[in-house]
Amino acid sequence: MSLLIGLFDSGLGGLTVLRQVHALYPHSRCLYLGDTARVPYGQRSCADLREIAAEVAHWLRQQGVGVLVMACNTSNAVAFDVAVAEAGVPVLGLIDSMAAEIRTDRVGVLATPATVASGAYRRAIQAVRPEAEVLEIACPSFVPSIEAGIRDGAELRAAARGHIEPLLAARVEAIVLGCTHYPMLRPMLKELVPVGVRLLDPAAAVARRLGPLLTSLGDPSERESQGVPLPPPMERTRFCVTGSARDFAIAATDWLGSEPLVRSVSLHSPVRGF
C-alpha cells in the first residue's frame, strides 16, 4: 500500500498543492488538514505559528502519515524546523522547493505579512543564487478575500496593483506566488503584469519533489501502479478541518471540481479509520 501523504494549510489554499499532487500521482493516498478555525495564518505572531505547526504536525503523525507536505508558505517560513521535529517523517516545504527552481536573478515575491517578515524566500533563493535580487511584498488582503470566494473585483484589483507596482519598478523577471491561496488569483494577476514576467507557483515545485522522495521511501511508483484498479484521487483523499466541515466542503468544490467529503476534527482528539 502506498504511503499516506499528509498536507496542511490554514484553509483552502493548500488545495492548490493537493491538486498538483493528484495530477502527478493519481494513485497517491492523501490526508488534507485545513486549520480553518484559525485562518488566516499570515497575520499571526511567529510564536503562535510555531505552536500551531507543532500541534498540526503532531496530529498528522498520529494519523499515520508517511510524508508531510507543508502546504502553507507562512508555516513553512517560520516553523519548518518545528514541523520536522514533531512529524517524525520526512517533511517537504514550499519555499526550498521553489528556490531550487528559480532561474533568474531578479525575483519578486507576493506573500503574507508573516512570510515577508521572516525573509524566508529571500534567504532560500539567495542560498541557491547568491547574486539574486529578491523583493518581497506583503499582501494582507489576499487570503481573507480568497477564503470569502472573491477572486477579482475593483477593490481586490486595486490592492493587487499596489502590490505589483514595486516589483515591476524593480524590473523583476519572475514573481513567486508565495502563498498557496494566491494561484487562485492567477487570471487576475496575469492581466496586471507584462507578458515577459512569469508567475511561479511553489505548489508545482513541491509536488515535483514529492515523487523522488516517495520512491526513496519505498513507495510503489506510479509506473508500478499502472493497470491497478483504484478509486479516483478524490476518493483516496481524506479531508479534515478544525472549523465547519460544511462550509469548507462548499468552498472547496470550486477548487477541486467536485464536493469533497469533509470531517470536522479536534487536533486534541486523534481520528482514524474514515
C-alpha atoms as a PDB file:
ATOM      1  CA  MET A   1       0.000   0.000   0.000  1.00  0.00           C
ATOM      2  CA  SER A   2       1.226   3.496  -0.826  1.00  0.00           C
ATOM      3  CA  LEU A   3       2.310   5.868   1.913  1.00  0.00           C
ATOM      4  CA  LEU A   4      -0.245   8.293   3.321  1.00  0.00           C
ATOM      5  CA  ILE A   5       0.740  11.848   2.329  1.00  0.00           C
ATOM      6  CA  GLY A   6      -0.226  14.489   4.869  1.00  0.00           C
ATOM      7  CA  LEU A   7      -0.814  18.080   3.741  1.00  0.00           C
ATOM      8  CA  PHE A   8      -1.871  21.041   5.842  1.00  0.00           C
ATOM      9  CA  ASP A   9      -2.781  24.679   5.450  1.00  0.00           C
ATOM     10  CA  SER A  10      -4.815  27.253   7.331  1.00  0.00           C
ATOM     11  CA  GLY A  11      -7.707  26.819   4.937  1.00  0.00           C
ATOM     12  CA  LEU A  12      -8.392  26.420   1.237  1.00  0.00           C
ATOM     13  CA  GLY A  13      -5.004  27.470  -0.126  1.00  0.00           C
ATOM     14  CA  GLY A  14      -3.304  24.127   0.338  1.00  0.00           C
ATOM     15  CA  LEU A  15      -5.794  22.623  -2.096  1.00  0.00           C
ATOM     16  CA  THR A  16      -3.659  24.102  -4.878  1.00  0.00           C
ATOM     17  CA  VAL A  17      -0.868  21.820  -3.646  1.00  0.00           C
ATOM     18  CA  LEU A  18      -3.217  18.863  -3.342  1.00  0.00           C
ATOM     19  CA  ARG A  19      -4.366  19.353  -6.934  1.00  0.00           C
ATOM     20  CA  GLN A  20      -0.755  19.208  -8.111  1.00  0.00           C
ATOM     21  CA  VAL A  21      -0.193  16.007  -6.121  1.00  0.00           C
ATOM     22  CA  HIS A  22      -3.343  14.467  -7.588  1.00  0.00           C
ATOM     23  CA  ALA A  23      -2.223  15.424 -11.110  1.00  0.00           C
ATOM     24  CA  LEU A  24       1.275  13.958 -10.795  1.00  0.00           C
ATOM     25  CA  TYR A  25       0.476  10.985  -8.556  1.00  0.00           C
ATOM     26  CA  PRO A  26      -3.088   9.804  -9.236  1.00  0.00           C
ATOM     27  CA  HIS A  27      -2.533   6.660  -7.154  1.00  0.00           C
ATOM     28  CA  SER A  28      -1.488   8.574  -4.039  1.00  0.00           C
ATOM     29  CA  ARG A  29      -3.314   8.420  -0.708  1.00  0.00           C
ATOM     30  CA  CYS A  30      -3.636  11.826   0.954  1.00  0.00           C
ATOM     31  CA  LEU A  31      -4.854  13.350   4.197  1.00  0.00           C
ATOM     32  CA  TYR A  32      -5.589  17.072   3.942  1.00  0.00           C
ATOM     33  CA  LEU A  33      -5.990  19.179   7.067  1.00  0.00           C
ATOM     34  CA  GLY A  34      -7.392  22.703   6.836  1.00  0.00           C
ATOM     35  CA  ASP A  35      -6.961  24.567  10.109  1.00  0.00           C
ATOM     36  CA  THR A  36      -9.979  26.709   9.319  1.00  0.00           C
ATOM     37  CA  ALA A  37     -10.696  27.563  12.942  1.00  0.00           C
ATOM     38  CA  ARG A  38      -7.538  29.710  12.868  1.00  0.00           C
ATOM     39  CA  VAL A  39      -7.444  31.046   9.312  1.00  0.00           C
ATOM     40  CA  PRO A  40      -5.677  33.236   8.243  1.00  0.00           C
ATOM     41  CA  TYR A  41      -2.185  32.403   9.483  1.00  0.00           C
ATOM     42  CA  GLY A  42      -0.494  35.306   7.713  1.00  0.00           C
ATOM     43  CA  GLN A  43      -1.054  37.942  10.389  1.00  0.00           C
ATOM     44  CA  ARG A  44      -0.359  35.776  13.444  1.00  0.00           C
ATOM     45  CA  SER A  45       2.772  36.080  15.572  1.00  0.00           C
ATOM     46  CA  CYS A  46       5.773  33.857  14.982  1.00  0.00           C
ATOM     47  CA  ALA A  47       5.327  32.239  18.406  1.00  0.00           C
ATOM     48  CA  ASP A  48       1.684  31.474  17.664  1.00  0.00           C
ATOM     49  CA  LEU A  49       2.518  29.976  14.274  1.00  0.00           C
ATOM     50  CA  ARG A  50       5.221  27.752  15.734  1.00  0.00           C
ATOM     51  CA  GLU A  51       2.839  26.452  18.379  1.00  0.00           C
ATOM     52  CA  ILE A  52       0.206  25.743  15.728  1.00  0.00           C
ATOM     53  CA  ALA A  53       2.711  23.953  13.483  1.00  0.00           C
ATOM     54  CA  ALA A  54       3.764  21.694  16.350  1.00  0.00           C
ATOM     55  CA  GLU A  55       0.151  20.835  17.133  1.00  0.00           C
ATOM     56  CA  VAL A  56      -0.744  20.139  13.499  1.00  0.00           C
ATOM     57  CA  ALA A  57       2.368  18.061  12.767  1.00  0.00           C
ATOM     58  CA  HIS A  58       1.808  16.003  15.912  1.00  0.00           C
ATOM     59  CA  TRP A  59      -1.822  15.332  14.948  1.00  0.00           C
ATOM     60  CA  LEU A  60      -0.854  14.266  11.421  1.00  0.00           C
ATOM     61  CA  ARG A  61       1.785  11.964  12.859  1.00  0.00           C
ATOM     62  CA  GLN A  62      -0.903  10.315  14.951  1.00  0.00           C
ATOM     63  CA  GLN A  63      -2.894   9.691  11.785  1.00  0.00           C
ATOM     64  CA  GLY A  64      -0.045   7.640  10.347  1.00  0.00           C
ATOM     65  CA  VAL A  65       1.220   9.884   7.542  1.00  0.00           C
ATOM     66  CA  GLY A  66       4.435   8.705   5.902  1.00  0.00           C
ATOM     67  CA  VAL A  67       5.349  12.100   4.421  1.00  0.00           C
ATOM     68  CA  LEU A  68       4.315  15.602   5.449  1.00  0.00           C
ATOM     69  CA  VAL A  69       3.913  18.425   2.935  1.00  0.00           C
ATOM     70  CA  MET A  70       3.679  21.892   4.458  1.00  0.00           C
ATOM     71  CA  ALA A  71       1.080  23.261   2.047  1.00  0.00           C
ATOM     72  CA  CYS A  72       1.306  26.663   3.712  1.00  0.00           C
ATOM     73  CA  ASN A  73       4.079  29.153   2.958  1.00  0.00           C
ATOM     74  CA  THR A  74       3.564  31.053   6.216  1.00  0.00           C
ATOM     75  CA  SER A  75       4.072  27.986   8.415  1.00  0.00           C
ATOM     76  CA  ASN A  76       6.942  26.907   6.185  1.00  0.00           C
ATOM     77  CA  ALA A  77       8.599  30.301   6.616  1.00  0.00           C
ATOM     78  CA  VAL A  78       8.594  30.426  10.409  1.00  0.00           C
ATOM     79  CA  ALA A  79       8.074  26.866  11.644  1.00  0.00           C
ATOM     80  CA  PHE A  80       9.622  24.359   9.244  1.00  0.00           C
ATOM     81  CA  ASP A  81      12.008  23.168  11.952  1.00  0.00           C
ATOM     82  CA  VAL A  82       9.087  22.667  14.339  1.00  0.00           C
ATOM     83  CA  ALA A  83       7.227  20.510  11.813  1.00  0.00           C
ATOM     84  CA  VAL A  84      10.350  18.425  11.202  1.00  0.00           C
ATOM     85  CA  ALA A  85      10.800  17.858  14.933  1.00  0.00           C
ATOM     86  CA  GLU A  86       7.170  16.876  15.527  1.00  0.00           C
ATOM     87  CA  ALA A  87       6.266  14.951  12.368  1.00  0.00           C
ATOM     88  CA  GLY A  88       8.614  12.008  12.795  1.00  0.00           C
ATOM     89  CA  VAL A  89       8.583  11.555   8.997  1.00  0.00           C
ATOM     90  CA  PRO A  90      10.187  13.406   6.054  1.00  0.00           C
ATOM     91  CA  VAL A  91       8.824  16.941   5.615  1.00  0.00           C
ATOM     92  CA  LEU A  92       8.714  18.871   2.344  1.00  0.00           C
ATOM     93  CA  GLY A  93       8.409  22.660   2.228  1.00  0.00           C
ATOM     94  CA  LEU A  94       7.266  25.006  -0.485  1.00  0.00           C
ATOM     95  CA  ILE A  95       9.978  27.624  -0.074  1.00  0.00           C
ATOM     96  CA  ASP A  96      13.081  25.485  -0.612  1.00  0.00           C
ATOM     97  CA  SER A  97      11.294  23.610  -3.402  1.00  0.00           C
ATOM     98  CA  MET A  98      10.568  26.855  -5.227  1.00  0.00           C
ATOM     99  CA  ALA A  99      14.007  28.332  -4.614  1.00  0.00           C
ATOM    100  CA  ALA A 100      15.642  25.297  -6.230  1.00  0.00           C
ATOM    101  CA  GLU A 101      13.788  26.026  -9.474  1.00  0.00           C
ATOM    102  CA  ILE A 102      14.458  29.784  -9.748  1.00  0.00           C
ATOM    103  CA  ARG A 103      16.273  30.606 -12.996  1.00  0.00           C
ATOM    104  CA  THR A 104      16.534  34.405 -12.784  1.00  0.00           C
ATOM    105  CA  ASP A 105      18.380  36.901 -10.599  1.00  0.00           C
ATOM    106  CA  ARG A 106      15.551  39.445 -10.375  1.00  0.00           C
ATOM    107  CA  VAL A 107      12.731  37.896  -8.382  1.00  0.00           C
ATOM    108  CA  GLY A 108       9.594  39.286  -6.786  1.00  0.00           C
ATOM    109  CA  VAL A 109       7.611  37.513  -4.087  1.00  0.00           C
ATOM    110  CA  LEU A 110       3.980  38.137  -3.146  1.00  0.00           C
ATOM    111  CA  ALA A 111       3.256  36.609   0.267  1.00  0.00           C
ATOM    112  CA  THR A 112       1.529  37.047   3.610  1.00  0.00           C
ATOM    113  CA  PRO A 113       2.865  39.589   6.115  1.00  0.00           C
ATOM    114  CA  ALA A 114       4.325  36.819   8.291  1.00  0.00           C
ATOM    115  CA  THR A 115       6.147  35.194   5.382  1.00  0.00           C
ATOM    116  CA  VAL A 116       7.541  38.528   4.214  1.00  0.00           C
ATOM    117  CA  ALA A 117       8.629  39.480   7.743  1.00  0.00           C
ATOM    118  CA  SER A 118      10.534  36.206   8.031  1.00  0.00           C
ATOM    119  CA  GLY A 119      12.607  36.880   4.891  1.00  0.00           C
ATOM    120  CA  ALA A 120      12.435  33.153   4.192  1.00  0.00           C
ATOM    121  CA  TYR A 121      12.066  33.419   0.422  1.00  0.00           C
ATOM    122  CA  ARG A 122      14.937  35.869   0.085  1.00  0.00           C
ATOM    123  CA  ARG A 123      17.238  33.636   2.134  1.00  0.00           C
ATOM    124  CA  ALA A 124      16.254  30.469   0.297  1.00  0.00           C
ATOM    125  CA  ILE A 125      16.620  31.988  -3.166  1.00  0.00           C
ATOM    126  CA  GLN A 126      19.927  33.657  -2.362  1.00  0.00           C
ATOM    127  CA  ALA A 127      21.248  30.391  -0.920  1.00  0.00           C
ATOM    128  CA  VAL A 128      20.845  28.947  -4.414  1.00  0.00           C
ATOM    129  CA  ARG A 129      21.575  32.133  -6.389  1.00  0.00           C
ATOM    130  CA  PRO A 130      23.749  34.436  -4.226  1.00  0.00           C
ATOM    131  CA  GLU A 131      23.601  37.280  -6.751  1.00  0.00           C
ATOM    132  CA  ALA A 132      19.809  37.290  -6.923  1.00  0.00           C
ATOM    133  CA  GLU A 133      17.871  40.425  -6.030  1.00  0.00           C
ATOM    134  CA  VAL A 134      14.696  39.421  -4.205  1.00  0.00           C
ATOM    135  CA  LEU A 135      11.910  41.856  -3.362  1.00  0.00           C
ATOM    136  CA  GLU A 136       9.173  40.520  -1.050  1.00  0.00           C
ATOM    137  CA  ILE A 137       5.790  42.276  -0.830  1.00  0.00           C
ATOM    138  CA  ALA A 138       3.143  41.579   1.830  1.00  0.00           C
ATOM    139  CA  CYS A 139      -0.454  41.166   0.625  1.00  0.00           C
ATOM    140  CA  PRO A 140      -2.617  41.157   3.779  1.00  0.00           C
ATOM    141  CA  SER A 141      -5.968  41.342   1.980  1.00  0.00           C
ATOM    142  CA  PHE A 142      -5.471  38.423  -0.410  1.00  0.00           C
ATOM    143  CA  VAL A 143      -6.170  35.411   1.839  1.00  0.00           C
ATOM    144  CA  PRO A 144      -9.316  36.819   3.515  1.00  0.00           C
ATOM    145  CA  SER A 145     -10.691  37.729   0.071  1.00  0.00           C
ATOM    146  CA  ILE A 146      -9.950  34.301  -1.401  1.00  0.00           C
ATOM    147  CA  GLU A 147     -11.404  32.467   1.608  1.00  0.00           C
ATOM    148  CA  ALA A 148     -14.543  34.576   1.105  1.00  0.00           C
ATOM    149  CA  GLY A 149     -14.742  33.451  -2.529  1.00  0.00           C
ATOM    150  CA  ILE A 150     -13.546  36.755  -4.016  1.00  0.00           C
ATOM    151  CA  ARG A 151     -11.028  36.363  -6.847  1.00  0.00           C
ATOM    152  CA  ASP A 152     -11.462  39.646  -8.708  1.00  0.00           C
ATOM    153  CA  GLY A 153     -13.228  42.971  -8.395  1.00  0.00           C
ATOM    154  CA  ALA A 154     -12.317  46.625  -8.217  1.00  0.00           C
ATOM    155  CA  GLU A 155     -11.118  46.621  -4.602  1.00  0.00           C
ATOM    156  CA  LEU A 156      -9.037  43.462  -4.886  1.00  0.00           C
ATOM    157  CA  ARG A 157      -7.600  44.530  -8.232  1.00  0.00           C
ATOM    158  CA  ALA A 158      -6.577  47.910  -6.812  1.00  0.00           C
ATOM    159  CA  ALA A 159      -4.811  46.185  -3.920  1.00  0.00           C
ATOM    160  CA  ALA A 160      -3.059  43.822  -6.339  1.00  0.00           C
ATOM    161  CA  ARG A 161      -1.854  46.710  -8.482  1.00  0.00           C
ATOM    162  CA  GLY A 162      -0.406  48.382  -5.399  1.00  0.00           C
ATOM    163  CA  HIS A 163       1.499  45.216  -4.504  1.00  0.00           C
ATOM    164  CA  ILE A 164       2.757  44.547  -8.026  1.00  0.00           C
ATOM    165  CA  GLU A 165       3.905  48.081  -8.918  1.00  0.00           C
ATOM    166  CA  PRO A 166       7.075  47.990  -6.751  1.00  0.00           C
ATOM    167  CA  LEU A 167       8.014  44.640  -8.292  1.00  0.00           C
ATOM    168  CA  LEU A 168       7.659  45.959 -11.822  1.00  0.00           C
ATOM    169  CA  ALA A 169       9.574  49.109 -10.866  1.00  0.00           C
ATOM    170  CA  ALA A 170      12.385  46.809  -9.716  1.00  0.00           C
ATOM    171  CA  ARG A 171      12.228  45.098 -13.132  1.00  0.00           C
ATOM    172  CA  VAL A 172      11.649  41.613 -11.763  1.00  0.00           C
ATOM    173  CA  GLU A 173      11.564  38.828 -14.341  1.00  0.00           C
ATOM    174  CA  ALA A 174       9.521  36.417 -12.234  1.00  0.00           C
ATOM    175  CA  ILE A 175       7.021  36.717  -9.391  1.00  0.00           C
ATOM    176  CA  VAL A 176       6.639  33.914  -6.891  1.00  0.00           C
ATOM    177  CA  LEU A 177       3.093  33.390  -5.647  1.00  0.00           C
ATOM    178  CA  GLY A 178       4.333  32.912  -2.101  1.00  0.00           C
ATOM    179  CA  CYS A 179       1.062  31.754  -0.548  1.00  0.00           C
ATOM    180  CA  THR A 180      -0.829  28.655  -1.637  1.00  0.00           C
ATOM    181  CA  HIS A 181      -4.025  30.709  -1.877  1.00  0.00           C
ATOM    182  CA  TYR A 182      -2.592  33.075  -4.476  1.00  0.00           C
ATOM    183  CA  PRO A 183      -2.691  30.785  -7.559  1.00  0.00           C
ATOM    184  CA  MET A 184      -6.459  31.220  -7.406  1.00  0.00           C
ATOM    185  CA  LEU A 185      -5.811  34.858  -8.355  1.00  0.00           C
ATOM    186  CA  ARG A 186      -3.603  33.934 -11.329  1.00  0.00           C
ATOM    187  CA  PRO A 187      -6.119  35.015 -14.031  1.00  0.00           C
ATOM    188  CA  MET A 188      -6.381  38.470 -12.476  1.00  0.00           C
ATOM    189  CA  LEU A 189      -2.665  38.774 -11.761  1.00  0.00           C
ATOM    190  CA  LYS A 190      -1.742  37.779 -15.323  1.00  0.00           C
ATOM    191  CA  GLU A 191      -3.680  40.788 -16.554  1.00  0.00           C
ATOM    192  CA  LEU A 192      -1.669  43.083 -14.277  1.00  0.00           C
ATOM    193  CA  VAL A 193       1.860  42.015 -15.232  1.00  0.00           C
ATOM    194  CA  PRO A 194       3.717  42.311 -18.549  1.00  0.00           C
ATOM    195  CA  VAL A 195       3.827  39.238 -20.767  1.00  0.00           C
ATOM    196  CA  GLY A 196       7.524  38.682 -20.058  1.00  0.00           C
ATOM    197  CA  VAL A 197       7.093  38.398 -16.286  1.00  0.00           C
ATOM    198  CA  ARG A 198       6.458  34.812 -15.181  1.00  0.00           C
ATOM    199  CA  LEU A 199       4.183  33.886 -12.288  1.00  0.00           C
ATOM    200  CA  LEU A 200       5.737  30.973 -10.380  1.00  0.00           C
ATOM    201  CA  ASP A 201       3.705  28.529  -8.286  1.00  0.00           C
ATOM    202  CA  PRO A 202       5.583  26.805  -5.430  1.00  0.00           C
ATOM    203  CA  ALA A 203       2.805  24.181  -5.283  1.00  0.00           C
ATOM    204  CA  ALA A 204       4.023  22.725  -8.564  1.00  0.00           C
ATOM    205  CA  ALA A 205       7.630  22.786  -7.354  1.00  0.00           C
ATOM    206  CA  VAL A 206       6.950  20.900  -4.119  1.00  0.00           C
ATOM    207  CA  ALA A 207       4.803  18.337  -5.952  1.00  0.00           C
ATOM    208  CA  ARG A 208       7.679  17.615  -8.329  1.00  0.00           C
ATOM    209  CA  ARG A 209       9.982  16.977  -5.348  1.00  0.00           C
ATOM    210  CA  LEU A 210       7.499  14.597  -3.778  1.00  0.00           C
ATOM    211  CA  GLY A 211       7.878  11.816  -6.358  1.00  0.00           C
ATOM    212  CA  PRO A 212      11.593  11.119  -5.828  1.00  0.00           C
ATOM    213  CA  LEU A 213      11.065  11.258  -2.054  1.00  0.00           C
ATOM    214  CA  LEU A 214       8.256   8.698  -2.201  1.00  0.00           C
ATOM    215  CA  THR A 215      10.421   6.437  -4.334  1.00  0.00           C
ATOM    216  CA  SER A 216      13.310   6.708  -1.872  1.00  0.00           C
ATOM    217  CA  LEU A 217      10.946   5.663   0.914  1.00  0.00           C
ATOM    218  CA  GLY A 218       9.933   2.532  -0.960  1.00  0.00           C
ATOM    219  CA  ASP A 219       6.518   3.782  -2.015  1.00  0.00           C
ATOM    220  CA  PRO A 220       5.140   1.987  -5.113  1.00  0.00           C
ATOM    221  CA  SER A 221       5.839   4.137  -8.133  1.00  0.00           C
ATOM    222  CA  GLU A 222       3.112   5.334 -10.458  1.00  0.00           C
ATOM    223  CA  ARG A 223       4.570   3.051 -13.123  1.00  0.00           C
ATOM    224  CA  GLU A 224       4.205   0.019 -10.873  1.00  0.00           C
ATOM    225  CA  SER A 225       0.631   1.021 -10.129  1.00  0.00           C
ATOM    226  CA  GLN A 226      -0.426   1.267 -13.767  1.00  0.00           C
ATOM    227  CA  GLY A 227      -3.309  -1.049 -14.543  1.00  0.00           C
ATOM    228  CA  VAL A 228      -4.206  -1.446 -10.879  1.00  0.00           C
ATOM    229  CA  PRO A 229      -7.889  -0.565 -10.405  1.00  0.00           C
ATOM    230  CA  LEU A 230      -8.109   2.136  -7.760  1.00  0.00           C
ATOM    231  CA  PRO A 231     -10.702   4.723  -6.758  1.00  0.00           C
ATOM    232  CA  PRO A 232     -10.173   8.253  -8.143  1.00  0.00           C
ATOM    233  CA  PRO A 233      -7.784  10.517  -6.184  1.00  0.00           C
ATOM    234  CA  MET A 234     -10.675  12.401  -4.568  1.00  0.00           C
ATOM    235  CA  GLU A 235     -11.901   9.135  -3.072  1.00  0.00           C
ATOM    236  CA  ARG A 236      -8.390   8.340  -1.886  1.00  0.00           C
ATOM    237  CA  THR A 237      -8.128  11.647  -0.023  1.00  0.00           C
ATOM    238  CA  ARG A 238      -9.413  12.313   3.484  1.00  0.00           C
ATOM    239  CA  PHE A 239     -10.376  15.913   4.198  1.00  0.00           C
ATOM    240  CA  CYS A 240     -10.378  17.242   7.756  1.00  0.00           C
ATOM    241  CA  VAL A 241     -10.917  20.753   9.100  1.00  0.00           C
ATOM    242  CA  THR A 242     -10.830  22.321  12.535  1.00  0.00           C
ATOM    243  CA  GLY A 243     -13.807  24.536  11.736  1.00  0.00           C
ATOM    244  CA  SER A 244     -17.057  23.961   9.833  1.00  0.00           C
ATOM    245  CA  ALA A 245     -16.923  20.875   7.618  1.00  0.00           C
ATOM    246  CA  ARG A 246     -19.945  22.006   5.605  1.00  0.00           C
ATOM    247  CA  ASP A 247     -18.575  25.474   4.898  1.00  0.00           C
ATOM    248  CA  PHE A 248     -15.253  24.028   3.780  1.00  0.00           C
ATOM    249  CA  ALA A 249     -16.890  21.403   1.556  1.00  0.00           C
ATOM    250  CA  ILE A 250     -18.952  24.052  -0.226  1.00  0.00           C
ATOM    251  CA  ALA A 251     -15.997  26.409  -0.694  1.00  0.00           C
ATOM    252  CA  ALA A 252     -13.634  23.610  -1.766  1.00  0.00           C
ATOM    253  CA  THR A 253     -15.943  22.350  -4.506  1.00  0.00           C
ATOM    254  CA  ASP A 254     -14.930  25.165  -6.838  1.00  0.00           C
ATOM    255  CA  TRP A 255     -11.249  24.452  -6.177  1.00  0.00           C
ATOM    256  CA  LEU A 256     -11.467  20.682  -6.660  1.00  0.00           C
ATOM    257  CA  GLY A 257     -14.193  20.284  -9.277  1.00  0.00           C
ATOM    258  CA  SER A 258     -16.405  18.171  -7.028  1.00  0.00           C
ATOM    259  CA  GLU A 259     -17.612  18.402  -3.451  1.00  0.00           C
ATOM    260  CA  PRO A 260     -15.323  16.578  -1.023  1.00  0.00           C
ATOM    261  CA  LEU A 261     -16.425  14.589   1.981  1.00  0.00           C
ATOM    262  CA  VAL A 262     -15.122  16.622   4.917  1.00  0.00           C
ATOM    263  CA  ARG A 263     -14.906  15.822   8.598  1.00  0.00           C
ATOM    264  CA  SER A 264     -14.533  18.349  11.410  1.00  0.00           C
ATOM    265  CA  VAL A 265     -11.867  17.291  13.910  1.00  0.00           C
ATOM    266  CA  SER A 266     -10.203  18.442  17.088  1.00  0.00           C
ATOM    267  CA  LEU A 267      -6.440  18.267  16.958  1.00  0.00           C
ATOM    268  CA  HIS A 268      -6.527  17.070  20.541  1.00  0.00           C
ATOM    269  CA  SER A 269      -8.693  14.076  19.645  1.00  0.00           C
ATOM    270  CA  PRO A 270      -6.999  11.807  17.059  1.00  0.00           C
ATOM    271  CA  VAL A 271      -9.329  10.387  14.438  1.00  0.00           C
ATOM    272  CA  ARG A 272      -8.642   7.242  12.436  1.00  0.00           C
ATOM    273  CA  GLY A 273     -10.429   4.948  10.048  1.00  0.00           C
ATOM    274  CA  PHE A 274     -12.501   7.328   7.951  1.00  0.00           C
END
